[in-house]
Amino acid sequence: MVLKNETELVAFCSCGCEEGVHLEVRKDDDGKIAYLSFVTNRFYSEQGGFFSRFIEKLKRILCIVRNKEYHYFEIVMKEDDIQSFKEFVDKM
């Protein structure tokens, strides 16, 4: 699902996990600035116990120390959502 207005777009995953991307464009004195945020539902991220959350955070730390990329999540978009996303980015 894609929610948008003139300066903001929020795209959520189509699978229902409620993870998404929030893209906001603001005009500044120097021109346009884009802000990109990743959003997730805390319900799913807080389901594990202390030990499982600790292991997940330790994996992130090890990726940083080893200079590797860590994959947080991916977003699945339907065709009409992709079109809305493309139109918003083209207006930037």
N, C-alpha and C. Protein backbone atom coordinates (compact mmCIF):
# COMPACT_ATOMS: atom_id res chain seq x y z
N MET A 1 0.84 -1.17 0.00
CA MET A 1 0.00 0.00 0.00
C MET A 1 0.89 1.24 0.00
N VAL A 2 0.52 2.21 -0.80
CA VAL A 2 1.27 3.45 -0.89
C VAL A 2 0.37 4.60 -0.47
N LEU A 3 0.85 5.40 0.48
CA LEU A 3 0.16 6.61 0.91
C LEU A 3 1.04 7.78 0.52
N LYS A 4 0.45 8.81 -0.12
CA LYS A 4 1.30 9.91 -0.55
C LYS A 4 0.52 11.21 -0.55
N ASN A 5 1.29 12.30 -0.48
CA ASN A 5 0.78 13.64 -0.72
C ASN A 5 1.85 14.36 -1.54
N GLU A 6 1.86 15.67 -1.56
CA GLU A 6 2.79 16.40 -2.42
C GLU A 6 4.26 16.23 -2.02
N THR A 7 4.53 16.07 -0.73
CA THR A 7 5.92 16.03 -0.27
C THR A 7 6.32 14.72 0.39
N GLU A 8 5.39 13.81 0.63
CA GLU A 8 5.71 12.57 1.34
C GLU A 8 5.09 11.36 0.65
N LEU A 9 5.78 10.23 0.79
CA LEU A 9 5.28 8.96 0.30
C LEU A 9 5.67 7.89 1.31
N VAL A 10 4.72 7.05 1.67
CA VAL A 10 4.98 5.93 2.55
C VAL A 10 4.55 4.67 1.81
N ALA A 11 5.46 3.74 1.62
CA ALA A 11 5.18 2.48 0.92
C ALA A 11 5.35 1.33 1.90
N PHE A 12 4.27 0.58 2.11
CA PHE A 12 4.31 -0.57 3.00
C PHE A 12 4.37 -1.86 2.19
N CYS A 13 4.92 -2.88 2.79
CA CYS A 13 5.02 -4.19 2.15
C CYS A 13 3.62 -4.75 1.90
N SER A 14 3.45 -5.39 0.76
CA SER A 14 2.14 -5.95 0.39
C SER A 14 1.81 -7.25 1.13
N CYS A 15 2.78 -7.86 1.79
CA CYS A 15 2.53 -9.14 2.45
C CYS A 15 1.81 -8.97 3.79
N GLY A 16 1.74 -7.74 4.31
CA GLY A 16 1.04 -7.50 5.56
C GLY A 16 1.92 -7.45 6.79
N CYS A 17 3.23 -7.47 6.61
CA CYS A 17 4.14 -7.43 7.77
C CYS A 17 4.29 -6.03 8.34
N GLU A 18 3.74 -5.04 7.67
CA GLU A 18 3.74 -3.64 8.09
C GLU A 18 5.13 -3.02 8.14
N GLU A 19 6.06 -3.51 7.34
CA GLU A 19 7.35 -2.86 7.20
C GLU A 19 7.28 -1.98 5.97
N GLY A 20 8.00 -0.88 5.98
CA GLY A 20 7.89 0.01 4.85
C GLY A 20 8.99 1.05 4.78
N VAL A 21 8.81 1.94 3.81
CA VAL A 21 9.76 3.02 3.56
C VAL A 21 8.98 4.33 3.56
N HIS A 22 9.52 5.32 4.25
CA HIS A 22 8.92 6.65 4.29
C HIS A 22 9.89 7.59 3.59
N LEU A 23 9.44 8.20 2.50
CA LEU A 23 10.26 9.12 1.71
C LEU A 23 9.62 10.50 1.79
N GLU A 24 10.41 11.48 2.23
CA GLU A 24 9.92 12.85 2.35
C GLU A 24 10.88 13.79 1.66
N VAL A 25 10.33 14.72 0.88
CA VAL A 25 11.13 15.70 0.17
C VAL A 25 10.76 17.08 0.70
N ARG A 26 11.78 17.83 1.16
CA ARG A 26 11.56 19.18 1.66
C ARG A 26 12.40 20.16 0.86
N LYS A 27 11.86 21.34 0.66
CA LYS A 27 12.63 22.39 0.00
C LYS A 27 13.38 23.18 1.05
N ASP A 28 14.64 23.41 0.78
CA ASP A 28 15.52 24.14 1.66
C ASP A 28 16.06 25.34 0.89
N ASP A 29 16.82 26.17 1.55
CA ASP A 29 17.46 27.30 0.87
C ASP A 29 18.42 26.83 -0.22
N ASP A 30 19.02 25.67 0.00
CA ASP A 30 20.00 25.12 -0.94
C ASP A 30 19.35 24.26 -2.02
N GLY A 31 18.08 24.04 -1.97
CA GLY A 31 17.39 23.18 -2.94
C GLY A 31 16.53 22.15 -2.23
N LYS A 32 16.35 21.01 -2.85
CA LYS A 32 15.53 19.95 -2.28
C LYS A 32 16.39 18.98 -1.48
N ILE A 33 15.83 18.52 -0.39
CA ILE A 33 16.48 17.51 0.45
C ILE A 33 15.51 16.36 0.60
N ALA A 34 15.99 15.14 0.40
CA ALA A 34 15.16 13.94 0.55
C ALA A 34 15.55 13.20 1.82
N TYR A 35 14.55 12.78 2.58
CA TYR A 35 14.75 11.99 3.78
C TYR A 35 14.13 10.61 3.55
N LEU A 36 14.88 9.57 3.81
CA LEU A 36 14.41 8.20 3.63
C LEU A 36 14.48 7.48 4.97
N SER A 37 13.34 6.97 5.44
CA SER A 37 13.28 6.27 6.72
C SER A 37 12.71 4.88 6.50
N PHE A 38 13.19 3.94 7.28
CA PHE A 38 12.65 2.59 7.27
C PHE A 38 11.75 2.45 8.48
N VAL A 39 10.54 1.97 8.27
CA VAL A 39 9.58 1.82 9.36
C VAL A 39 9.18 0.36 9.50
N THR A 40 8.98 -0.05 10.74
CA THR A 40 8.58 -1.43 11.00
C THR A 40 7.61 -1.45 12.18
N ASN A 41 6.81 -2.47 12.24
CA ASN A 41 5.87 -2.65 13.33
C ASN A 41 6.62 -3.25 14.51
N ARG A 42 6.62 -2.59 15.63
CA ARG A 42 7.35 -3.09 16.80
C ARG A 42 6.76 -4.39 17.35
N PHE A 43 5.52 -4.68 17.05
CA PHE A 43 4.91 -5.91 17.55
C PHE A 43 5.74 -7.12 17.13
N TYR A 44 6.10 -7.18 15.85
CA TYR A 44 6.86 -8.32 15.35
C TYR A 44 8.30 -8.31 15.84
N SER A 45 8.90 -7.14 15.94
CA SER A 45 10.30 -7.07 16.36
C SER A 45 10.48 -7.38 17.84
N GLU A 46 9.42 -7.24 18.64
CA GLU A 46 9.52 -7.48 20.08
C GLU A 46 8.98 -8.84 20.50
N GLN A 47 8.67 -9.73 19.56
CA GLN A 47 8.04 -11.00 19.90
C GLN A 47 9.01 -11.99 20.55
N GLY A 48 10.25 -11.96 20.16
CA GLY A 48 11.20 -12.89 20.75
C GLY A 48 11.55 -12.51 22.17
N GLY A 49 12.13 -13.43 22.87
CA GLY A 49 12.58 -13.15 24.22
C GLY A 49 13.87 -12.35 24.22
N PHE A 50 14.40 -12.11 25.39
CA PHE A 50 15.62 -11.32 25.53
C PHE A 50 16.77 -11.94 24.74
N PHE A 51 16.94 -13.25 24.85
CA PHE A 51 18.08 -13.91 24.22
C PHE A 51 18.01 -13.81 22.70
N SER A 52 16.84 -14.00 22.11
CA SER A 52 16.74 -13.94 20.64
C SER A 52 16.97 -12.51 20.14
N ARG A 53 16.48 -11.50 20.88
CA ARG A 53 16.75 -10.11 20.48
C ARG A 53 18.22 -9.78 20.64
N PHE A 54 18.86 -10.32 21.68
CA PHE A 54 20.29 -10.10 21.90
C PHE A 54 21.11 -10.69 20.76
N ILE A 55 20.77 -11.90 20.33
CA ILE A 55 21.48 -12.55 19.22
C ILE A 55 21.33 -11.72 17.94
N GLU A 56 20.13 -11.21 17.68
CA GLU A 56 19.89 -10.39 16.49
C GLU A 56 20.73 -9.11 16.51
N LYS A 57 20.82 -8.47 17.66
CA LYS A 57 21.64 -7.27 17.78
C LYS A 57 23.12 -7.60 17.67
N LEU A 58 23.53 -8.74 18.17
CA LEU A 58 24.92 -9.16 18.06
C LEU A 58 25.29 -9.40 16.59
N LYS A 59 24.36 -9.95 15.81
CA LYS A 59 24.59 -10.13 14.37
C LYS A 59 24.82 -8.79 13.69
N ARG A 60 24.03 -7.79 14.06
CA ARG A 60 24.20 -6.44 13.49
C ARG A 60 25.57 -5.88 13.83
N ILE A 61 25.97 -6.03 15.08
CA ILE A 61 27.27 -5.52 15.52
C ILE A 61 28.40 -6.21 14.76
N LEU A 62 28.32 -7.52 14.60
CA LEU A 62 29.36 -8.25 13.88
C LEU A 62 29.44 -7.81 12.42
N CYS A 63 28.32 -7.52 11.81
CA CYS A 63 28.33 -7.03 10.43
C CYS A 63 29.03 -5.68 10.35
N ILE A 64 28.78 -4.82 11.31
CA ILE A 64 29.43 -3.51 11.33
C ILE A 64 30.94 -3.66 11.53
N VAL A 65 31.34 -4.49 12.48
CA VAL A 65 32.76 -4.68 12.77
C VAL A 65 33.48 -5.29 11.57
N ARG A 66 32.83 -6.19 10.86
CA ARG A 66 33.45 -6.84 9.70
C ARG A 66 33.29 -6.04 8.41
N ASN A 67 32.66 -4.86 8.50
CA ASN A 67 32.43 -4.00 7.35
C ASN A 67 31.57 -4.70 6.29
N LYS A 68 30.56 -5.39 6.74
CA LYS A 68 29.62 -6.09 5.86
C LYS A 68 28.26 -5.40 5.93
N GLU A 69 27.41 -5.68 4.96
CA GLU A 69 26.06 -5.14 4.96
C GLU A 69 25.14 -6.04 5.77
N TYR A 70 24.19 -5.42 6.44
CA TYR A 70 23.19 -6.16 7.19
C TYR A 70 21.84 -5.92 6.54
N HIS A 71 21.11 -6.97 6.24
CA HIS A 71 19.82 -6.88 5.57
C HIS A 71 18.73 -6.82 6.63
N TYR A 72 18.11 -5.66 6.80
CA TYR A 72 17.05 -5.51 7.79
C TYR A 72 15.76 -6.17 7.31
N PHE A 73 15.27 -5.74 6.16
CA PHE A 73 14.06 -6.32 5.60
C PHE A 73 13.94 -5.89 4.15
N GLU A 74 13.03 -6.49 3.44
CA GLU A 74 12.75 -6.08 2.07
C GLU A 74 11.26 -5.77 1.96
N ILE A 75 10.92 -4.97 0.98
CA ILE A 75 9.54 -4.56 0.79
C ILE A 75 9.04 -5.11 -0.53
N VAL A 76 7.91 -5.79 -0.48
CA VAL A 76 7.27 -6.32 -1.68
C VAL A 76 6.17 -5.35 -2.08
N MET A 77 6.23 -4.87 -3.34
CA MET A 77 5.25 -3.90 -3.82
C MET A 77 4.50 -4.47 -5.01
N LYS A 78 3.20 -4.20 -5.05
CA LYS A 78 2.39 -4.60 -6.20
C LYS A 78 2.60 -3.61 -7.33
N GLU A 79 2.14 -3.97 -8.51
CA GLU A 79 2.41 -3.17 -9.71
C GLU A 79 1.88 -1.74 -9.59
N ASP A 80 0.68 -1.56 -9.07
CA ASP A 80 0.13 -0.21 -8.94
C ASP A 80 0.89 0.61 -7.90
N ASP A 81 1.39 -0.05 -6.84
CA ASP A 81 2.23 0.64 -5.86
C ASP A 81 3.55 1.08 -6.47
N ILE A 82 4.11 0.23 -7.32
CA ILE A 82 5.36 0.59 -8.00
C ILE A 82 5.14 1.82 -8.87
N GLN A 83 4.02 1.86 -9.57
CA GLN A 83 3.72 3.00 -10.44
C GLN A 83 3.59 4.28 -9.62
N SER A 84 2.90 4.21 -8.48
CA SER A 84 2.76 5.39 -7.61
C SER A 84 4.12 5.85 -7.09
N PHE A 85 4.96 4.89 -6.73
CA PHE A 85 6.30 5.22 -6.25
C PHE A 85 7.11 5.91 -7.34
N LYS A 86 7.03 5.39 -8.56
CA LYS A 86 7.77 5.97 -9.68
C LYS A 86 7.30 7.38 -9.98
N GLU A 87 5.99 7.60 -9.95
CA GLU A 87 5.44 8.94 -10.21
C GLU A 87 5.91 9.94 -9.17
N PHE A 88 5.95 9.52 -7.90
CA PHE A 88 6.40 10.41 -6.84
C PHE A 88 7.86 10.77 -7.02
N VAL A 89 8.68 9.78 -7.31
CA VAL A 89 10.12 10.03 -7.49
C VAL A 89 10.36 10.91 -8.72
N ASP A 90 9.59 10.73 -9.79
CA ASP A 90 9.74 11.56 -10.98
C ASP A 90 9.44 13.03 -10.68
N LYS A 91 8.53 13.31 -9.76
CA LYS A 91 8.19 14.69 -9.40
C LYS A 91 9.29 15.38 -8.61
N MET A 92 10.18 14.59 -8.00
CA MET A 92 11.25 15.18 -7.21
C MET A 92 12.13 15.95 -8.13
